[in-house]
N, C-alpha and C. Protein backbone atom coordinates (compact mmCIF):
# COMPACT_ATOMS: atom_id res chain seq x y z
N MET A 1 -15.27 12.91 -1.53
CA MET A 1 -15.26 11.53 -0.75
C MET A 1 -14.20 10.43 -0.63
N LYS A 2 -13.82 9.86 0.40
CA LYS A 2 -12.53 9.45 0.74
C LYS A 2 -12.80 7.65 -0.15
N GLU A 3 -11.46 7.62 -0.26
CA GLU A 3 -11.33 6.32 -1.14
C GLU A 3 -10.63 5.40 -0.31
N TYR A 4 -11.18 4.01 -0.36
CA TYR A 4 -10.04 3.29 0.77
C TYR A 4 -9.77 1.96 -0.06
N VAL A 5 -8.61 1.56 -0.28
CA VAL A 5 -7.91 0.43 -0.89
C VAL A 5 -7.33 -0.28 0.17
N MET A 6 -7.67 -1.72 -0.54
CA MET A 6 -6.66 -3.01 0.49
C MET A 6 -5.89 -3.53 -0.78
N ILE A 7 -4.40 -4.06 -0.37
CA ILE A 7 -3.85 -4.74 -1.52
C ILE A 7 -3.30 -5.82 -0.72
N PRO A 8 -3.91 -6.88 -0.85
CA PRO A 8 -3.17 -8.22 0.06
C PRO A 8 -1.98 -8.50 -1.24
N PHE A 9 -0.80 -9.10 -0.53
CA PHE A 9 -0.03 -9.48 -1.81
C PHE A 9 0.98 -10.41 -0.49
N GLN A 10 1.81 -11.33 -1.64
CA GLN A 10 2.71 -12.23 -0.63
C GLN A 10 4.23 -11.96 -1.72
N VAL A 11 4.82 -12.14 -0.72
CA VAL A 11 6.58 -11.79 -1.94
C VAL A 11 6.98 -13.30 -1.42
N GLN A 12 8.41 -13.47 -2.20
CA GLN A 12 9.07 -14.89 -2.16
C GLN A 12 9.66 -14.80 -0.70
N GLU A 13 9.88 -16.22 -0.27
CA GLU A 13 10.31 -15.98 1.16
C GLU A 13 11.44 -15.50 1.47
N ASP A 14 12.29 -15.57 0.62
CA ASP A 14 14.00 -15.31 0.68
C ASP A 14 13.97 -13.85 0.53
N LYS A 15 12.91 -13.18 0.17
CA LYS A 15 12.72 -11.72 -0.34
C LYS A 15 11.89 -10.64 0.69
N ILE A 16 11.67 -11.37 1.93
CA ILE A 16 11.03 -10.50 2.86
C ILE A 16 11.88 -9.33 3.12
N ASP A 17 12.93 -9.36 3.54
CA ASP A 17 13.71 -8.29 3.77
C ASP A 17 13.94 -7.14 2.69
N ASP A 18 13.83 -7.56 1.25
CA ASP A 18 14.13 -6.77 0.45
C ASP A 18 12.42 -6.02 0.00
N ALA A 19 11.23 -7.09 0.48
CA ALA A 19 10.20 -6.03 0.41
C ALA A 19 10.01 -5.09 1.14
N LYS A 20 10.43 -5.53 2.98
CA LYS A 20 10.31 -4.33 3.56
C LYS A 20 11.24 -3.04 3.36
N LYS A 21 12.49 -3.37 2.73
CA LYS A 21 12.82 -2.22 2.56
C LYS A 21 12.25 -1.07 1.32
N ILE A 22 11.93 -1.89 0.41
CA ILE A 22 11.48 -0.93 -0.72
C ILE A 22 9.94 -0.34 -0.07
N ILE A 23 9.25 -1.30 0.42
CA ILE A 23 7.73 -0.78 1.54
C ILE A 23 8.00 0.56 2.17
N ASN A 24 9.43 0.49 2.67
CA ASN A 24 9.59 1.81 4.00
C ASN A 24 9.99 3.07 2.91
N GLN A 25 10.72 2.31 1.81
CA GLN A 25 11.05 3.62 0.99
C GLN A 25 9.58 4.22 0.35
N LEU A 26 8.47 3.43 -0.17
CA LEU A 26 7.38 4.06 -0.65
C LEU A 26 6.81 5.05 0.51
N ILE A 27 6.73 4.28 1.64
CA ILE A 27 5.77 4.88 2.56
C ILE A 27 6.59 6.11 3.00
N SER A 28 7.90 6.46 2.99
CA SER A 28 8.36 7.53 3.27
C SER A 28 8.42 8.78 2.16
N ALA A 29 8.05 8.46 1.01
CA ALA A 29 7.93 9.12 -0.08
C ALA A 29 6.50 9.41 -0.14
N VAL A 30 5.61 8.30 0.12
CA VAL A 30 4.19 9.19 0.24
C VAL A 30 3.99 10.11 1.48
N ARG A 31 4.41 9.83 2.96
CA ARG A 31 4.35 10.78 3.73
C ARG A 31 4.87 11.85 3.39
N GLU A 32 5.91 12.23 2.72
CA GLU A 32 6.41 13.47 2.16
C GLU A 32 5.76 14.05 1.23
N LYS A 33 5.41 13.53 0.31
CA LYS A 33 4.61 14.01 -0.97
C LYS A 33 3.17 13.89 -1.14
N GLU A 34 2.81 13.33 -0.23
CA GLU A 34 1.19 13.08 -0.56
C GLU A 34 0.15 13.53 0.51
N PRO A 35 -0.18 14.92 0.74
CA PRO A 35 -0.83 15.16 2.05
C PRO A 35 -2.59 14.54 1.66
N GLY A 36 -2.56 14.13 0.44
CA GLY A 36 -3.99 13.47 0.45
C GLY A 36 -4.16 12.01 0.50
N THR A 37 -3.19 11.45 0.79
CA THR A 37 -2.87 10.03 1.09
C THR A 37 -3.09 10.06 2.85
N LEU A 38 -4.20 10.02 3.21
CA LEU A 38 -4.36 10.18 4.60
C LEU A 38 -3.89 9.24 5.49
N LEU A 39 -4.02 7.83 4.84
CA LEU A 39 -3.33 6.78 5.74
C LEU A 39 -2.75 5.84 4.64
N TYR A 40 -1.69 5.29 5.00
CA TYR A 40 -0.81 4.25 4.16
C TYR A 40 -0.53 3.40 5.33
N LYS A 41 -0.96 2.12 5.42
CA LYS A 41 -0.54 1.26 6.38
C LYS A 41 0.00 0.11 5.99
N SER A 42 1.23 -0.55 6.14
CA SER A 42 1.85 -1.97 5.68
C SER A 42 1.65 -2.55 6.80
N LEU A 43 1.03 -3.64 6.33
CA LEU A 43 0.61 -4.73 7.72
C LEU A 43 1.64 -6.08 7.45
N GLN A 44 2.14 -6.78 8.00
CA GLN A 44 2.79 -8.07 7.94
C GLN A 44 1.87 -9.12 8.44
N LEU A 45 1.43 -10.26 8.04
CA LEU A 45 0.79 -11.35 8.75
C LEU A 45 2.08 -12.09 9.69
N LYS A 46 1.43 -12.43 10.83
CA LYS A 46 2.17 -12.84 12.04
C LYS A 46 2.65 -14.47 11.53
N LYS A 47 1.64 -14.99 11.22
CA LYS A 47 1.57 -16.53 10.87
C LYS A 47 2.32 -16.88 9.48
N ASP A 48 2.05 -15.86 8.84
CA ASP A 48 2.84 -15.97 7.34
C ASP A 48 3.46 -14.66 6.76
N PRO A 49 4.80 -14.51 7.28
CA PRO A 49 5.46 -13.06 7.14
C PRO A 49 5.74 -12.78 5.86
N ALA A 50 5.53 -13.69 5.09
CA ALA A 50 5.92 -13.53 3.33
C ALA A 50 4.74 -12.66 2.88
N SER A 51 3.81 -12.72 3.69
CA SER A 51 2.24 -12.24 3.37
C SER A 51 1.95 -10.64 4.24
N PHE A 52 1.72 -9.77 3.21
CA PHE A 52 1.56 -8.53 3.43
C PHE A 52 -0.12 -7.77 3.14
N ILE A 53 -0.33 -7.03 3.85
CA ILE A 53 -1.68 -5.95 3.51
C ILE A 53 -1.33 -4.67 3.82
N HIS A 54 -1.80 -4.07 2.45
CA HIS A 54 -1.32 -2.52 2.33
C HIS A 54 -2.83 -1.96 2.22
N PHE A 55 -3.02 -1.00 3.28
CA PHE A 55 -4.25 -0.63 3.39
C PHE A 55 -4.22 1.20 3.43
N ILE A 56 -4.92 1.70 2.62
CA ILE A 56 -4.68 3.00 2.26
C ILE A 56 -5.67 3.97 2.27
N ILE A 57 -5.97 5.15 2.72
CA ILE A 57 -7.32 5.83 2.75
C ILE A 57 -6.87 6.97 1.70
N PHE A 58 -7.35 7.36 1.05
CA PHE A 58 -7.11 8.70 -0.13
C PHE A 58 -8.58 9.86 0.34
N ALA A 59 -7.90 10.91 0.60
CA ALA A 59 -8.83 12.33 0.82
C ALA A 59 -9.87 11.72 -0.39
N ASP A 60 -9.50 11.69 -1.51
CA ASP A 60 -10.50 11.75 -2.40
C ASP A 60 -9.96 10.88 -3.92
N ASN A 61 -10.79 11.09 -4.83
CA ASN A 61 -10.31 10.40 -6.12
C ASN A 61 -9.12 11.14 -6.64
N ASP A 62 -8.84 12.46 -6.74
CA ASP A 62 -7.75 13.39 -7.29
C ASP A 62 -6.59 12.69 -6.56
N ALA A 63 -6.61 12.49 -5.30
CA ALA A 63 -5.42 11.94 -4.40
C ALA A 63 -4.99 10.50 -4.74
N HIS A 64 -6.09 9.80 -5.09
CA HIS A 64 -6.04 8.34 -5.42
C HIS A 64 -5.18 8.61 -6.52
N MET A 65 -5.58 9.19 -7.76
CA MET A 65 -4.62 9.35 -8.94
C MET A 65 -3.38 9.92 -8.89
N LYS A 66 -3.42 10.75 -8.09
CA LYS A 66 -1.83 11.21 -8.01
C LYS A 66 -0.87 10.23 -7.51
N HIS A 67 -1.53 9.58 -6.57
CA HIS A 67 -0.74 8.46 -6.07
C HIS A 67 -0.38 7.30 -7.04
N ARG A 68 -1.33 7.14 -7.45
CA ARG A 68 -0.97 5.88 -8.90
C ARG A 68 0.22 6.64 -9.64
N GLY A 69 -0.08 7.66 -10.28
CA GLY A 69 0.97 8.14 -11.45
C GLY A 69 2.05 8.68 -10.72
N ALA A 70 2.31 8.60 -9.47
CA ALA A 70 3.66 9.25 -9.13
C ALA A 70 4.93 8.34 -9.43
N PRO A 71 5.96 8.95 -9.94
CA PRO A 71 7.29 8.09 -10.22
C PRO A 71 7.66 7.09 -9.10
N TYR A 72 7.76 7.43 -7.81
CA TYR A 72 8.18 6.50 -6.91
C TYR A 72 7.07 5.01 -6.30
N VAL A 73 5.54 5.43 -6.80
CA VAL A 73 4.82 4.29 -7.18
C VAL A 73 5.19 3.82 -8.04
N ILE A 74 5.43 4.26 -9.06
CA ILE A 74 5.49 3.09 -10.05
C ILE A 74 6.60 2.42 -10.16
N ASP A 75 7.79 2.87 -9.64
CA ASP A 75 9.26 2.31 -9.49
C ASP A 75 8.89 1.10 -8.02
N PHE A 76 8.26 1.65 -7.10
CA PHE A 76 7.38 0.48 -6.11
C PHE A 76 7.15 -0.53 -6.79
N VAL A 77 6.17 -0.59 -7.68
CA VAL A 77 5.20 -1.46 -8.06
C VAL A 77 6.08 -2.60 -9.11
N LYS A 78 7.06 -1.99 -9.65
CA LYS A 78 7.85 -2.61 -10.45
C LYS A 78 8.89 -3.76 -9.80
N LYS A 79 9.31 -3.01 -8.69
CA LYS A 79 10.28 -3.68 -7.94
C LYS A 79 9.47 -4.80 -7.04
N LEU A 80 8.30 -4.33 -6.59
CA LEU A 80 7.56 -5.44 -5.52
C LEU A 80 7.23 -6.66 -7.07
N TYR A 81 6.59 -6.37 -7.84
CA TYR A 81 6.08 -7.49 -8.74
C TYR A 81 7.27 -8.50 -9.19
N GLU A 82 8.48 -7.86 -9.00
CA GLU A 82 9.75 -8.86 -9.31
C GLU A 82 9.71 -9.82 -8.07
N ILE A 83 9.38 -9.50 -7.21
CA ILE A 83 9.43 -10.35 -5.96
C ILE A 83 8.04 -11.18 -5.67
N CYS A 84 7.14 -10.92 -6.38
CA CYS A 84 5.97 -11.75 -5.83
C CYS A 84 5.70 -12.73 -6.36
N PRO A 85 5.53 -14.01 -6.21
CA PRO A 85 4.89 -15.10 -7.04
C PRO A 85 3.31 -14.66 -7.59
N LYS A 86 2.50 -14.15 -6.91
CA LYS A 86 1.65 -13.60 -8.09
C LYS A 86 1.15 -11.97 -7.78
N GLU A 87 0.84 -11.80 -8.94
CA GLU A 87 0.69 -10.09 -9.19
C GLU A 87 -0.49 -9.73 -7.88
N PRO A 88 -0.12 -8.62 -7.30
CA PRO A 88 -1.05 -7.85 -6.42
C PRO A 88 -1.85 -7.58 -6.98
N PHE A 89 -3.35 -7.23 -6.31
CA PHE A 89 -4.36 -6.62 -6.98
C PHE A 89 -5.16 -5.69 -5.67
N PRO A 90 -5.50 -4.50 -6.32
CA PRO A 90 -6.46 -4.04 -5.39
C PRO A 90 -7.80 -4.20 -5.15
N ILE A 91 -8.09 -4.04 -3.63
CA ILE A 91 -9.26 -4.37 -3.32
C ILE A 91 -10.13 -2.92 -3.20
N PHE A 92 -10.80 -2.58 -3.72
CA PHE A 92 -11.67 -1.28 -3.45
C PHE A 92 -12.72 -1.47 -2.31
N LEU A 93 -12.64 -0.78 -1.47
CA LEU A 93 -13.94 -0.99 -0.09
C LEU A 93 -14.75 0.45 -0.20
N GLU A 94 -15.57 0.03 0.57
CA GLU A 94 -16.55 0.90 0.71
C GLU A 94 -16.54 1.09 2.24
N ASN A 95 -16.56 2.48 2.69
CA ASN A 95 -17.01 2.87 4.48
C ASN A 95 -18.39 2.53 4.73
N PHE A 96 -18.36 1.34 5.58
CA PHE A 96 -19.85 1.07 6.00
C PHE A 96 -19.75 1.66 7.55
N ASP A 97 -19.21 1.58 8.64
CA ASP A 97 -19.05 1.72 9.86
C ASP A 97 -17.73 1.51 10.56
N SER A 98 -17.57 2.61 11.59
CA SER A 98 -16.17 2.97 12.20
C SER A 98 -16.48 2.99 13.55
N CYS A 99 -15.11 3.05 14.37
CA CYS A 99 -15.09 3.83 15.47
C CYS A 99 -13.52 3.96 15.61
N GLY A 100 -13.04 5.07 16.56
CA GLY A 100 -11.98 5.38 16.76
C GLY A 100 -11.76 6.61 16.03
N ILE A 101 -10.34 6.82 15.50
CA ILE A 101 -9.40 7.62 14.87
C ILE A 101 -10.14 7.37 13.27
N ASP A 102 -10.68 8.48 12.61
CA ASP A 102 -10.83 8.32 11.61
C ASP A 102 -10.13 9.14 10.85
N HIS A 103 -9.20 8.83 9.89
CA HIS A 103 -8.27 9.61 9.09
C HIS A 103 -8.81 10.02 7.83
């Protein structure tokens, strides 16, 4: 069963470019090494560029656990938390309804 996760977070305003760099590195690694991660979308708020939302769809719990334990994810979390005023927290979601492309 697919797992859906959303992670809203904010970075220090003077660290936005650093955040984008480490996010790009993470997503490149996920794209290359995680076929079970069906979607990893990093979104930046237009009205507040220091705020981001990561939306992730995992094929199943095994894919989710593989992602969480990957060394590049652990490194990403360490680097990201250093530039966040508040610790990011994941929000676990249930799929209720959708339309369009279903990953």
